[in-house]
C-alpha atoms as a PDB file:
ATOM      1  CA  MET A   1     -15.541  -3.721  -8.958  1.00  0.00           C
ATOM      2  CA  TYR A   2     -12.682  -3.956  -6.474  1.00  0.00           C
ATOM      3  CA  THR A   3     -10.603  -0.893  -5.671  1.00  0.00           C
ATOM      4  CA  VAL A   4      -6.843  -1.126  -5.178  1.00  0.00           C
ATOM      5  CA  LEU A   5      -4.840   1.723  -3.678  1.00  0.00           C
ATOM      6  CA  VAL A   6      -1.249   1.909  -4.898  1.00  0.00           C
ATOM      7  CA  CYS A   7       1.086   3.970  -2.727  1.00  0.00           C
ATOM      8  CA  ASP A   8       4.691   4.623  -3.766  1.00  0.00           C
ATOM      9  CA  ASP A   9       6.829   7.745  -4.038  1.00  0.00           C
ATOM     10  CA  ASP A  10       8.257   6.494  -7.357  1.00  0.00           C
ATOM     11  CA  ILE A  11       5.877   7.746 -10.064  1.00  0.00           C
ATOM     12  CA  ALA A  12       7.125   5.177 -12.610  1.00  0.00           C
ATOM     13  CA  ILE A  13       6.115   2.351 -10.243  1.00  0.00           C
ATOM     14  CA  LEU A  14       2.727   3.980  -9.650  1.00  0.00           C
ATOM     15  CA  ASP A  15       2.169   4.298 -13.401  1.00  0.00           C
ATOM     16  CA  SER A  16       3.185   0.687 -14.096  1.00  0.00           C
ATOM     17  CA  LEU A  17       1.052  -0.812 -11.337  1.00  0.00           C
ATOM     18  CA  GLU A  18      -1.922   1.299 -12.351  1.00  0.00           C
ATOM     19  CA  ILE A  19      -1.694   0.084 -15.957  1.00  0.00           C
ATOM     20  CA  TYR A  20      -1.458  -3.591 -14.984  1.00  0.00           C
ATOM     21  CA  LEU A  21      -4.234  -3.416 -12.424  1.00  0.00           C
ATOM     22  CA  LYS A  22      -6.608  -1.532 -14.732  1.00  0.00           C
ATOM     23  CA  LEU A  23      -5.986  -4.101 -17.471  1.00  0.00           C
ATOM     24  CA  GLU A  24      -7.146  -6.745 -14.972  1.00  0.00           C
ATOM     25  CA  GLY A  25     -10.346  -4.795 -14.329  1.00  0.00           C
ATOM     26  CA  TYR A  26      -9.564  -3.116 -10.999  1.00  0.00           C
ATOM     27  CA  ASN A  27     -10.430   0.436 -10.052  1.00  0.00           C
ATOM     28  CA  VAL A  28      -7.115   2.058  -9.049  1.00  0.00           C
ATOM     29  CA  LEU A  29      -6.460   4.867  -6.609  1.00  0.00           C
ATOM     30  CA  ARG A  30      -2.999   6.389  -6.253  1.00  0.00           C
ATOM     31  CA  ALA A  31      -0.990   8.070  -3.540  1.00  0.00           C
ATOM     32  CA  ASP A  32       2.617   9.194  -3.791  1.00  0.00           C
ATOM     33  CA  ASN A  33       3.116   9.535  -0.033  1.00  0.00           C
ATOM     34  CA  GLY A  34       1.906   8.069   3.238  1.00  0.00           C
ATOM     35  CA  ARG A  35      -0.387  10.945   4.152  1.00  0.00           C
ATOM     36  CA  GLY A  36      -2.118  10.658   0.785  1.00  0.00           C
ATOM     37  CA  ALA A  37      -2.599   6.909   1.276  1.00  0.00           C
ATOM     38  CA  ILE A  38      -4.225   7.436   4.661  1.00  0.00           C
ATOM     39  CA  GLU A  39      -6.564  10.047   3.151  1.00  0.00           C
ATOM     40  CA  GLN A  40      -7.509   7.725   0.268  1.00  0.00           C
ATOM     41  CA  VAL A  41      -8.443   4.972   2.728  1.00  0.00           C
ATOM     42  CA  LYS A  42     -10.479   7.441   4.818  1.00  0.00           C
ATOM     43  CA  ASN A  43     -12.379   8.823   1.838  1.00  0.00           C
ATOM     44  CA  ASN A  44     -12.890   5.751  -0.381  1.00  0.00           C
ATOM     45  CA  GLU A  45     -13.918   2.138  -0.193  1.00  0.00           C
ATOM     46  CA  VAL A  46     -10.552   0.417  -0.637  1.00  0.00           C
ATOM     47  CA  HIS A  47     -10.287  -3.375  -0.867  1.00  0.00           C
ATOM     48  CA  CYS A  48      -6.518  -3.770  -1.174  1.00  0.00           C
ATOM     49  CA  VAL A  49      -3.435  -1.583  -0.703  1.00  0.00           C
ATOM     50  CA  ILE A  50      -0.094  -2.084  -2.431  1.00  0.00           C
ATOM     51  CA  LEU A  51       2.255  -0.156  -0.202  1.00  0.00           C
ATOM     52  CA  ASP A  52       5.893   0.922  -0.418  1.00  0.00           C
ATOM     53  CA  ILE A  53       7.799   1.168   2.871  1.00  0.00           C
ATOM     54  CA  MET A  54      10.472   3.768   2.122  1.00  0.00           C
ATOM     55  CA  MET A  55       8.637   7.036   1.548  1.00  0.00           C
ATOM     56  CA  PRO A  56       9.402  10.530   2.796  1.00  0.00           C
ATOM     57  CA  GLY A  57       7.264  11.775   5.667  1.00  0.00           C
ATOM     58  CA  ILE A  58       5.022   8.944   6.795  1.00  0.00           C
ATOM     59  CA  ASP A  59       6.610   5.585   5.960  1.00  0.00           C
ATOM     60  CA  GLY A  60       4.780   2.435   4.868  1.00  0.00           C
ATOM     61  CA  PHE A  61       4.994   0.784   8.294  1.00  0.00           C
ATOM     62  CA  THR A  62       3.116   3.715   9.840  1.00  0.00           C
ATOM     63  CA  VAL A  63       0.572   3.755   7.010  1.00  0.00           C
ATOM     64  CA  CYS A  64      -0.037   0.044   7.536  1.00  0.00           C
ATOM     65  CA  LYS A  65      -0.686   0.624  11.260  1.00  0.00           C
ATOM     66  CA  LYS A  66      -3.107   3.466  10.504  1.00  0.00           C
ATOM     67  CA  ILE A  67      -5.014   1.365   7.970  1.00  0.00           C
ATOM     68  CA  ARG A  68      -5.280  -1.501  10.472  1.00  0.00           C
ATOM     69  CA  GLU A  69      -6.756   0.945  13.016  1.00  0.00           C
ATOM     70  CA  LYS A  70      -9.556   1.598  10.506  1.00  0.00           C
ATOM     71  CA  SER A  71     -10.037  -1.892   9.099  1.00  0.00           C
ATOM     72  CA  SER A  72      -8.912  -5.453   9.587  1.00  0.00           C
ATOM     73  CA  THR A  73     -10.342  -6.559   6.238  1.00  0.00           C
ATOM     74  CA  ILE A  74      -8.441  -4.362   3.764  1.00  0.00           C
ATOM     75  CA  GLY A  75      -5.701  -6.444   2.159  1.00  0.00           C
ATOM     76  CA  ILE A  76      -2.255  -4.883   2.543  1.00  0.00           C
ATOM     77  CA  ILE A  77       0.659  -5.972   0.357  1.00  0.00           C
ATOM     78  CA  MET A  78       4.002  -4.355   1.029  1.00  0.00           C
ATOM     79  CA  LEU A  79       6.006  -3.983  -2.181  1.00  0.00           C
ATOM     80  CA  THR A  80       9.498  -2.819  -1.339  1.00  0.00           C
ATOM     81  CA  ALA A  81      13.210  -3.002  -2.047  1.00  0.00           C
ATOM     82  CA  ARG A  82      13.900  -3.691   1.647  1.00  0.00           C
ATOM     83  CA  THR A  83      14.935  -7.337   1.728  1.00  0.00           C
ATOM     84  CA  GLN A  84      16.108  -7.779   5.324  1.00  0.00           C
ATOM     85  CA  GLU A  85      14.291 -10.564   7.155  1.00  0.00           C
ATOM     86  CA  MET A  86      13.584  -8.196  10.070  1.00  0.00           C
ATOM     87  CA  ASP A  87      11.794  -5.753   7.740  1.00  0.00           C
ATOM     88  CA  LYS A  88       9.589  -8.558   6.461  1.00  0.00           C
ATOM     89  CA  VAL A  89       8.804  -9.763   9.984  1.00  0.00           C
ATOM     90  CA  SER A  90       8.054  -6.180  11.095  1.00  0.00           C
ATOM     91  CA  GLY A  91       5.718  -5.605   8.157  1.00  0.00           C
ATOM     92  CA  LEU A  92       3.782  -8.792   8.768  1.00  0.00           C
ATOM     93  CA  MET A  93       3.605  -8.188  12.523  1.00  0.00           C
ATOM     94  CA  ILE A  94       2.097  -4.724  12.140  1.00  0.00           C
ATOM     95  CA  GLY A  95      -0.654  -5.993   9.880  1.00  0.00           C
ATOM     96  CA  ALA A  96       0.522  -6.532   6.314  1.00  0.00           C
ATOM     97  CA  ASP A  97      -0.942  -9.600   4.643  1.00  0.00           C
ATOM     98  CA  ASP A  98       2.026 -10.149   2.351  1.00  0.00           C
ATOM     99  CA  TYR A  99       5.486  -8.715   1.753  1.00  0.00           C
ATOM    100  CA  ILE A 100       7.013  -8.701  -1.721  1.00  0.00           C
ATOM    101  CA  THR A 101      10.578  -7.613  -2.474  1.00  0.00           C
END
């Protein structure tokens, strides 16, 4: 079974994504901040990360960089309200595999 880490500071988004992913048969881990996401990746076998950018403390860009330091094979999808082209380019350049607004 594949494990997806969902990281967002909005609990309603975490809850929704967890429900949908579990219905599709994925094991779901959650983090409501960047530090928690980094810890989840350190301590678990994670296959994909759905990652918000705008979080207090450690933002999604930094989390993405830290994950890429550990692994080049974990899929990283940035799911964010930031729609500026430069944000998308930045996310993809630091290692995200996709960027969804």
